[in-house]
Amino acid sequence: MIASLLLAAAALPQGAAPAPTAPDPAAHLNPPRAVAIRKAVEWLVANQRPSGAWGSHHSPRPIEVLCSVPGGHHVFRVATTALCVMALDRSPYQTEASRAAADRGVDLILAEHEVKRADMLEHYTVWALGYTLQCLSERLLAQPDDPRAEEMGAVCRRMIEKLELYQCLDGGWGYLSLQELKTYKPSFTSMSFTTATCLVGLARAREAGFELPPEMIRKAVDSVDRCETAMKSFTYGELWRKGRPNSPSVNHAKSAACRGPACLESILLFGRERTHEDATRAMDRLLVDHTKFQIASLRRPIPHESHYAISGYFYLYGYYYAGVFQRRLPDADRLRYAPYLEKAVNVCRQPDGSYWDYPLYSYHKPYGTAYALLTLSEVDQIHRTLGSPGS
């Protein structure tokens, strides 16, 4: 019923002296990780579109998930591009080409940020709003002297306004209106992980100095909070939080594993308290206990067709947010989880250096590679700051 988003040297002339060797930007990395990160960066650089975007509506499949034209694809393109810019910006492997690609991506976002709903059913819009806000806010924090800073700030404020406009009546954000009555302001229903994604973007905006509407934040955090079950997992959204905690199967702890870190991160960012046990439980469920169920869903073309109604597009999303969430854990836990994170994302690695978990027009390799690169960058940061044998 639910379709989502988100959910590739010239020889020296005879007798020419070799050019001076430039420092290897990945020399400090663990060798296998260095190769994976370098190839992911190179893939993103090589596969950026002339416009500066990543991904398009082109698909090798005769049947695709619901995405109306032009609005749906405009949203997917902007959201995917924001993820790719974040991944290139945070990568420990930096080159002139990767920095230039990220800058072109920012230009595309600034030019095309004004996304709109495709129709009264789809409001994938929130993915572009959340990731654009996060991308530009992180850019402003890292590069406050960027000559486009004023324009980026204006776009961030506009994203905050539009998130308030698209906030569901239950307080969160969703990407489909799953009922007969379709209203201008989405009335039904929010999804816990979509709300979490937007809250993380809003938290980055707050760090960058942007004012957030207090009531909008309170309602959104309350929505995610309400989705937490007695089993200490998060339902797919508000619609599914009543009744037995594991019914339907999409709400079972095995299915919810990819949602846990994102949802916990979002409410902790805005002052809700959870225990260390809650945090490690969420990480263990995704990284240790239920990993095989997540892997079993990979690349299945029909949404929610795998065990416990898991979709492949949950996979790299979930591990990216686990990589973000681990920052708040004690050092011993971070070191313990790092190998699991690295191994999990590399399940999706392709020979060309890209990563993908679910076929989605031609957005899946760019967004998948971005999520994977972001996660591997977190793993690298763990080892560089905390150290470990063979790091």
Protein backbone atom coordinates (compact mmCIF):
# COMPACT_ATOMS: atom_id res chain seq x y z
CA MET A 1 0.00 0.00 0.00
CA ILE A 2 2.82 2.31 0.76
CA ALA A 3 5.32 3.38 -1.85
CA SER A 4 8.08 5.63 -0.96
CA LEU A 5 10.49 7.50 -1.59
CA LEU A 6 12.86 6.87 -0.38
CA LEU A 7 13.35 6.40 -0.14
CA ALA A 8 31.46 4.92 -12.57
CA ALA A 9 46.16 8.28 -16.54
CA ALA A 10 46.97 9.39 -19.40
CA ALA A 11 50.50 8.04 -20.17
CA LEU A 12 53.43 10.45 -19.96
CA PRO A 13 55.04 11.43 -23.26
CA GLN A 14 58.24 9.60 -24.11
CA GLY A 15 61.11 10.92 -22.01
CA ALA A 16 58.95 13.27 -19.93
CA ALA A 17 59.81 13.58 -16.27
CA PRO A 18 57.09 12.38 -13.88
CA ALA A 19 55.03 15.14 -12.29
CA PRO A 20 55.42 15.70 -8.54
CA THR A 21 53.20 13.32 -6.61
CA ALA A 22 50.38 15.08 -4.80
CA PRO A 23 49.61 13.98 -1.24
CA ASP A 24 47.13 11.15 -1.16
CA PRO A 25 43.95 12.60 0.42
CA ALA A 26 43.09 9.13 1.78
CA ALA A 27 46.56 8.24 3.10
CA HIS A 28 45.39 8.27 6.72
CA LEU A 29 42.57 5.77 6.14
CA ASN A 30 42.43 2.07 6.80
CA PRO A 31 43.29 0.60 3.34
CA PRO A 32 40.03 -1.28 2.58
CA ARG A 33 37.98 1.61 3.91
CA ALA A 34 40.13 4.07 1.93
CA VAL A 35 39.33 2.25 -1.30
CA ALA A 36 35.59 2.14 -0.55
CA ILE A 37 35.44 5.83 0.38
CA ARG A 38 37.59 6.94 -2.57
CA LYS A 39 35.58 4.93 -5.09
CA ALA A 40 32.29 6.20 -3.65
CA VAL A 41 33.48 9.81 -3.96
CA GLU A 42 34.75 9.19 -7.49
CA TRP A 43 31.45 7.58 -8.46
CA LEU A 44 29.49 10.59 -7.21
CA VAL A 45 31.78 13.00 -9.06
CA ALA A 46 31.58 10.98 -12.29
CA ASN A 47 27.80 10.60 -12.13
CA GLN A 48 26.74 14.16 -11.38
CA ARG A 49 24.42 15.45 -14.07
CA PRO A 50 25.35 18.54 -16.12
CA SER A 51 22.77 20.56 -14.17
CA GLY A 52 24.58 19.84 -10.90
CA ALA A 53 21.94 17.36 -9.74
CA TRP A 54 22.19 13.68 -9.00
CA GLY A 55 19.54 11.22 -10.21
CA SER A 56 16.70 11.54 -12.68
CA HIS A 57 13.34 10.08 -13.71
CA HIS A 58 14.98 7.63 -16.13
CA SER A 59 14.40 3.99 -15.20
CA PRO A 60 15.27 0.61 -16.74
CA ARG A 61 12.12 -0.88 -15.17
CA PRO A 62 8.73 -0.93 -16.92
CA ILE A 63 6.91 -0.43 -13.62
CA GLU A 64 8.10 1.96 -10.91
CA VAL A 65 6.81 3.20 -7.57
CA LEU A 66 4.33 6.06 -7.56
CA CYS A 67 5.96 9.39 -8.40
CA SER A 68 3.90 11.89 -10.36
CA VAL A 69 5.42 14.32 -12.84
CA PRO A 70 6.79 16.87 -12.59
CA GLY A 71 6.52 17.57 -8.86
CA GLY A 72 7.47 14.15 -7.52
CA HIS A 73 10.66 13.96 -9.54
CA HIS A 74 11.59 17.55 -8.74
CA VAL A 75 11.44 16.58 -5.06
CA PHE A 76 13.45 13.37 -5.50
CA ARG A 77 16.11 15.23 -7.50
CA VAL A 78 16.57 17.99 -4.91
CA ALA A 79 16.54 15.61 -1.93
CA THR A 80 19.03 13.24 -3.58
CA THR A 81 21.30 16.14 -4.50
CA ALA A 82 21.27 17.44 -0.92
CA LEU A 83 22.31 14.02 0.37
CA CYS A 84 25.14 13.81 -2.18
CA VAL A 85 26.42 17.27 -1.23
CA MET A 86 26.42 16.32 2.46
CA ALA A 87 28.30 13.11 1.69
CA LEU A 88 30.98 14.88 -0.36
CA ASP A 89 31.33 17.64 2.22
CA ARG A 90 31.83 15.20 5.10
CA SER A 91 34.04 12.71 3.30
CA PRO A 92 37.59 12.29 4.66
CA TYR A 93 38.68 11.91 1.02
CA GLN A 94 38.65 15.35 -0.56
CA THR A 95 39.80 16.39 -4.04
CA GLU A 96 39.38 19.51 -6.14
CA ALA A 97 36.88 17.58 -8.27
CA SER A 98 34.79 16.45 -5.28
CA ARG A 99 34.70 19.96 -3.81
CA ALA A 100 33.68 21.41 -7.17
CA ALA A 101 30.94 18.78 -7.54
CA ALA A 102 29.58 19.62 -4.08
CA ASP A 103 29.58 23.33 -4.96
CA ARG A 104 27.65 22.64 -8.18
CA GLY A 105 25.19 20.63 -6.11
CA VAL A 106 24.66 23.58 -3.77
CA ASP A 107 24.01 25.82 -6.78
CA LEU A 108 21.38 23.35 -8.02
CA ILE A 109 19.68 23.30 -4.61
CA LEU A 110 19.62 27.09 -4.42
CA ALA A 111 18.08 27.24 -7.88
CA GLU A 112 15.51 24.47 -7.43
CA HIS A 113 14.65 24.43 -3.70
CA GLU A 114 11.09 25.66 -4.18
CA VAL A 115 9.56 22.19 -4.48
CA LYS A 116 5.81 21.63 -4.55
CA ARG A 117 3.42 18.76 -4.00
CA ALA A 118 2.75 16.70 -7.10
CA ASP A 119 -0.90 16.16 -6.15
CA MET A 120 -3.16 15.70 -3.13
CA LEU A 121 -1.96 12.14 -2.52
CA GLU A 122 1.81 12.62 -2.71
CA HIS A 123 3.72 15.02 -0.54
CA TYR A 124 7.21 13.65 -0.97
CA THR A 125 8.04 17.36 -0.69
CA VAL A 126 9.04 16.89 2.94
CA TRP A 127 12.11 14.82 1.97
CA ALA A 128 13.50 17.72 -0.07
CA LEU A 129 12.64 20.23 2.65
CA GLY A 130 14.30 18.22 5.41
CA TYR A 131 17.47 17.33 3.51
CA THR A 132 17.86 20.77 1.91
CA LEU A 133 17.62 22.34 5.36
CA GLN A 134 20.16 19.91 6.82
CA CYS A 135 22.55 20.24 3.86
CA LEU A 136 22.61 24.04 3.75
CA SER A 137 22.71 24.42 7.54
CA GLU A 138 25.71 22.11 7.77
CA ARG A 139 27.34 24.04 4.92
CA LEU A 140 26.85 27.31 6.80
CA LEU A 141 28.27 25.81 10.00
CA ALA A 142 31.35 24.44 8.22
CA GLN A 143 31.87 27.25 5.69
CA PRO A 144 30.41 30.47 7.15
CA ASP A 145 32.43 32.59 4.68
CA ASP A 146 30.87 30.95 1.61
CA PRO A 147 29.93 33.80 -0.76
CA ARG A 148 26.46 32.26 -1.08
CA ALA A 149 25.89 32.31 2.70
CA GLU A 150 23.16 34.97 2.58
CA GLU A 151 21.27 33.09 -0.12
CA MET A 152 21.67 29.79 1.74
CA GLY A 153 20.32 31.43 4.87
CA ALA A 154 17.26 32.70 3.02
CA VAL A 155 16.58 29.21 1.62
CA CYS A 156 16.93 27.68 5.10
CA ARG A 157 14.34 30.07 6.48
CA ARG A 158 12.06 29.22 3.57
CA MET A 159 12.46 25.49 4.27
CA ILE A 160 11.42 26.05 7.88
CA GLU A 161 8.33 27.96 6.70
CA LYS A 162 7.39 25.18 4.30
CA LEU A 163 7.88 22.46 6.89
CA GLU A 164 5.39 24.28 9.08
CA LEU A 165 3.03 24.48 6.09
CA TYR A 166 3.30 20.75 5.35
CA GLN A 167 3.10 19.57 8.97
CA CYS A 168 0.30 17.05 9.43
CA LEU A 169 -2.49 17.74 11.87
CA ASP A 170 -1.11 14.96 14.11
CA GLY A 171 2.14 16.93 14.41
CA GLY A 172 4.56 14.97 12.25
CA TRP A 173 5.42 14.80 8.58
CA GLY A 174 4.42 12.09 6.13
CA TYR A 175 4.85 11.55 2.42
CA LEU A 176 1.43 10.18 1.42
CA SER A 177 -2.14 11.11 2.34
CA LEU A 178 -3.58 7.66 2.94
CA GLN A 179 -7.27 8.47 3.08
CA GLU A 180 -10.13 9.52 0.85
CA LEU A 181 -10.16 13.12 2.08
CA LYS A 182 -7.19 15.04 0.67
CA THR A 183 -6.65 18.48 2.19
CA TYR A 184 -4.33 21.39 1.46
CA LYS A 185 -2.56 20.98 4.79
CA PRO A 186 -1.83 17.25 5.11
CA SER A 187 -4.32 15.82 7.57
CA PHE A 188 -3.34 12.15 7.59
CA THR A 189 -0.92 10.61 8.41
CA SER A 190 2.64 11.29 9.52
CA MET A 191 5.41 8.68 9.47
CA SER A 192 7.75 8.42 12.44
CA PHE A 193 10.95 8.24 10.41
CA THR A 194 9.95 11.05 8.03
CA THR A 195 9.26 13.23 11.05
CA ALA A 196 12.61 12.17 12.52
CA THR A 197 14.39 13.13 9.28
CA CYS A 198 12.84 16.58 9.31
CA LEU A 199 13.63 17.07 13.01
CA VAL A 200 17.30 16.25 12.44
CA GLY A 201 17.38 18.86 9.66
CA LEU A 202 15.65 21.37 11.94
CA ALA A 203 18.16 20.68 14.72
CA ARG A 204 21.04 21.46 12.32
CA ALA A 205 19.27 24.70 11.38
CA ARG A 206 19.01 25.60 15.07
CA GLU A 207 22.77 25.01 15.44
CA ALA A 208 23.33 27.35 12.51
CA GLY A 209 21.38 30.07 14.32
CA PHE A 210 17.95 29.86 12.70
CA GLU A 211 14.87 30.37 14.83
CA LEU A 212 12.41 27.48 14.90
CA PRO A 213 8.66 27.76 15.65
CA PRO A 214 8.37 26.25 19.17
CA GLU A 215 4.89 24.84 18.64
CA MET A 216 5.86 23.16 15.38
CA ILE A 217 8.79 21.46 17.13
CA ARG A 218 6.75 20.43 20.15
CA LYS A 219 4.07 18.81 18.01
CA ALA A 220 6.63 16.96 15.87
CA VAL A 221 8.59 15.60 18.82
CA ASP A 222 5.34 14.55 20.50
CA SER A 223 4.37 12.69 17.33
CA VAL A 224 7.59 10.65 17.27
CA ASP A 225 7.27 10.06 21.01
CA ARG A 226 3.75 8.69 20.59
CA CYS A 227 4.98 6.19 18.01
CA GLU A 228 7.23 4.48 20.54
CA THR A 229 5.70 1.21 21.70
CA ALA A 230 5.97 -0.81 24.88
CA MET A 231 8.46 -2.98 22.95
CA LYS A 232 10.73 0.09 22.73
CA SER A 233 10.48 0.29 18.96
CA PHE A 234 8.75 2.87 16.75
CA THR A 235 5.67 2.24 14.66
CA TYR A 236 5.70 3.22 10.99
CA GLY A 237 3.59 6.24 11.87
CA GLU A 238 0.66 7.60 13.83
CA LEU A 239 -1.87 5.52 11.87
CA TRP A 240 -0.29 2.28 13.09
CA ARG A 241 0.28 3.09 16.76
CA LYS A 242 -3.09 1.83 18.04
CA GLY A 243 -3.83 -1.81 18.67
CA ARG A 244 -1.29 -4.55 19.31
CA PRO A 245 2.29 -3.21 19.21
CA ASN A 246 3.46 -5.78 16.65
CA SER A 247 0.42 -5.64 14.37
CA PRO A 248 0.66 -5.14 11.47
CA SER A 249 4.04 -6.75 10.95
CA VAL A 250 5.57 -3.48 9.73
CA ASN A 251 5.52 -2.45 13.40
CA HIS A 252 7.34 -5.51 14.71
CA ALA A 253 10.71 -4.81 16.33
CA LYS A 254 12.43 -6.61 13.44
CA SER A 255 10.79 -4.29 10.92
CA ALA A 256 11.28 -1.20 13.07
CA ALA A 257 15.04 -1.76 13.50
CA CYS A 258 15.98 0.71 10.75
CA ARG A 259 13.71 3.38 12.26
CA GLY A 260 15.00 3.18 15.83
CA PRO A 261 18.23 5.23 15.67
CA ALA A 262 16.68 8.00 13.56
CA CYS A 263 13.64 8.33 15.82
CA LEU A 264 15.68 8.30 19.02
CA GLU A 265 18.15 10.81 17.60
CA SER A 266 15.34 13.20 16.67
CA ILE A 267 13.68 13.29 20.08
CA LEU A 268 16.96 13.42 22.00
CA LEU A 269 18.02 16.44 19.94
CA PHE A 270 14.99 18.29 21.31
CA GLY A 271 15.33 17.42 24.98
CA ARG A 272 13.46 14.17 25.45
CA GLU A 273 15.35 11.80 27.70
CA ARG A 274 16.15 8.13 27.15
CA THR A 275 18.45 5.74 28.95
CA HIS A 276 21.72 4.24 27.79
CA GLU A 277 19.88 0.93 27.67
CA ASP A 278 17.34 2.42 25.24
CA ALA A 279 20.16 3.64 23.00
CA THR A 280 22.13 0.40 22.90
CA ARG A 281 18.95 -1.63 22.43
CA ALA A 282 18.16 0.32 19.26
CA MET A 283 21.70 -0.11 17.97
CA ASP A 284 21.84 -3.82 18.83
CA ARG A 285 18.53 -4.52 17.11
CA LEU A 286 19.75 -2.98 13.87
CA LEU A 287 23.42 -3.94 13.92
CA VAL A 288 23.37 -7.32 15.65
CA ASP A 289 20.02 -8.93 16.43
CA HIS A 290 17.93 -8.34 13.29
CA THR A 291 20.53 -7.58 10.61
CA LYS A 292 19.64 -10.61 8.49
CA PHE A 293 16.04 -9.46 8.16
CA GLN A 294 17.26 -6.09 6.84
CA ILE A 295 19.60 -7.80 4.34
CA ALA A 296 16.79 -10.07 3.15
CA SER A 297 14.85 -7.01 1.99
CA LEU A 298 17.61 -5.63 -0.23
CA ARG A 299 16.78 -4.89 -3.87
CA ARG A 300 13.33 -6.47 -3.76
CA PRO A 301 11.35 -4.41 -6.28
CA ILE A 302 7.98 -4.36 -4.50
CA PRO A 303 7.73 -2.17 -1.38
CA HIS A 304 7.24 -4.09 1.86
CA GLU A 305 7.36 -7.51 0.21
CA SER A 306 10.07 -8.93 2.48
CA HIS A 307 9.76 -10.50 5.93
CA TYR A 308 7.98 -8.30 8.48
CA ALA A 309 7.02 -5.95 5.61
CA ILE A 310 10.54 -4.53 5.44
CA SER A 311 11.42 -2.53 2.33
CA GLY A 312 14.90 -2.31 0.85
CA TYR A 313 14.77 1.48 0.97
CA PHE A 314 14.89 1.34 4.77
CA TYR A 315 18.36 -0.22 4.69
CA LEU A 316 21.01 2.44 3.97
CA TYR A 317 18.76 5.10 5.53
CA GLY A 318 18.74 3.16 8.78
CA TYR A 319 22.49 2.60 8.90
CA TYR A 320 23.20 6.25 8.09
CA TYR A 321 21.17 7.40 11.08
CA ALA A 322 22.77 4.72 13.24
CA GLY A 323 26.09 6.28 12.26
CA VAL A 324 24.80 9.68 13.36
CA PHE A 325 23.24 8.31 16.55
CA GLN A 326 26.44 6.57 17.72
CA ARG A 327 28.07 9.98 18.28
CA ARG A 328 26.18 10.37 21.55
CA LEU A 329 27.26 6.97 22.94
CA PRO A 330 30.23 6.22 25.21
CA ASP A 331 33.54 5.62 23.43
CA ALA A 332 33.53 1.88 24.15
CA ASP A 333 30.13 1.51 22.49
CA ARG A 334 31.20 3.56 19.48
CA LEU A 335 34.24 1.37 18.93
CA ARG A 336 32.12 -1.75 19.36
CA TYR A 337 29.54 -0.67 16.78
CA ALA A 338 31.95 0.74 14.16
CA PRO A 339 32.80 -2.62 12.50
CA TYR A 340 29.11 -3.53 12.31
CA LEU A 341 28.28 -0.23 10.59
CA GLU A 342 31.06 -0.66 8.06
CA LYS A 343 30.19 -4.26 7.30
CA ALA A 344 26.47 -3.48 6.96
CA VAL A 345 26.82 -0.71 4.36
CA ASN A 346 29.40 -2.66 2.37
CA VAL A 347 26.78 -5.35 1.76
CA CYS A 348 25.36 -2.86 -0.75
CA ARG A 349 28.66 -1.99 -2.44
CA GLN A 350 28.86 -2.45 -6.21
CA PRO A 351 31.95 -3.10 -8.40
CA ASP A 352 31.78 0.45 -9.77
CA GLY A 353 32.07 1.93 -6.26
CA SER A 354 28.40 2.86 -5.87
CA TYR A 355 25.92 1.56 -3.30
CA TRP A 356 22.21 0.89 -3.57
CA ASP A 357 19.49 -0.89 -1.62
CA TYR A 358 16.25 -0.45 -3.62
CA PRO A 359 15.61 0.28 -7.31
CA LEU A 360 14.12 3.75 -7.69
CA TYR A 361 14.21 5.29 -11.17
CA SER A 362 17.86 6.48 -11.32
CA TYR A 363 17.96 8.04 -7.85
CA HIS A 364 18.86 4.85 -5.99
CA LYS A 365 22.60 4.75 -6.72
CA PRO A 366 23.23 8.44 -5.90
CA TYR A 367 21.22 8.43 -2.66
CA GLY A 368 22.50 4.98 -1.71
CA THR A 369 26.11 5.99 -2.33
CA ALA A 370 25.56 9.18 -0.32
CA TYR A 371 24.10 7.32 2.67
CA ALA A 372 26.94 4.77 2.54
CA LEU A 373 29.65 7.42 2.22
CA LEU A 374 28.18 9.36 5.14
CA THR A 375 28.20 6.19 7.24
CA LEU A 376 31.75 5.22 6.28
CA SER A 377 32.86 8.76 7.11
CA GLU A 378 31.36 8.33 10.59
CA VAL A 379 33.24 5.05 10.99
CA ASP A 380 36.46 6.73 9.91
CA GLN A 381 35.88 9.52 12.41
CA ILE A 382 35.43 6.97 15.21
CA HIS A 383 38.76 5.33 14.43
CA ARG A 384 40.64 8.59 13.90
CA THR A 385 39.43 10.09 17.18
CA LEU A 386 39.31 7.00 19.38
CA GLY A 387 41.76 4.69 17.62
CA SER A 388 41.73 0.91 17.49
CA PRO A 389 44.02 -1.84 16.27
CA GLY A 390 44.12 -1.84 12.46
CA SER A 391 42.03 1.34 12.21
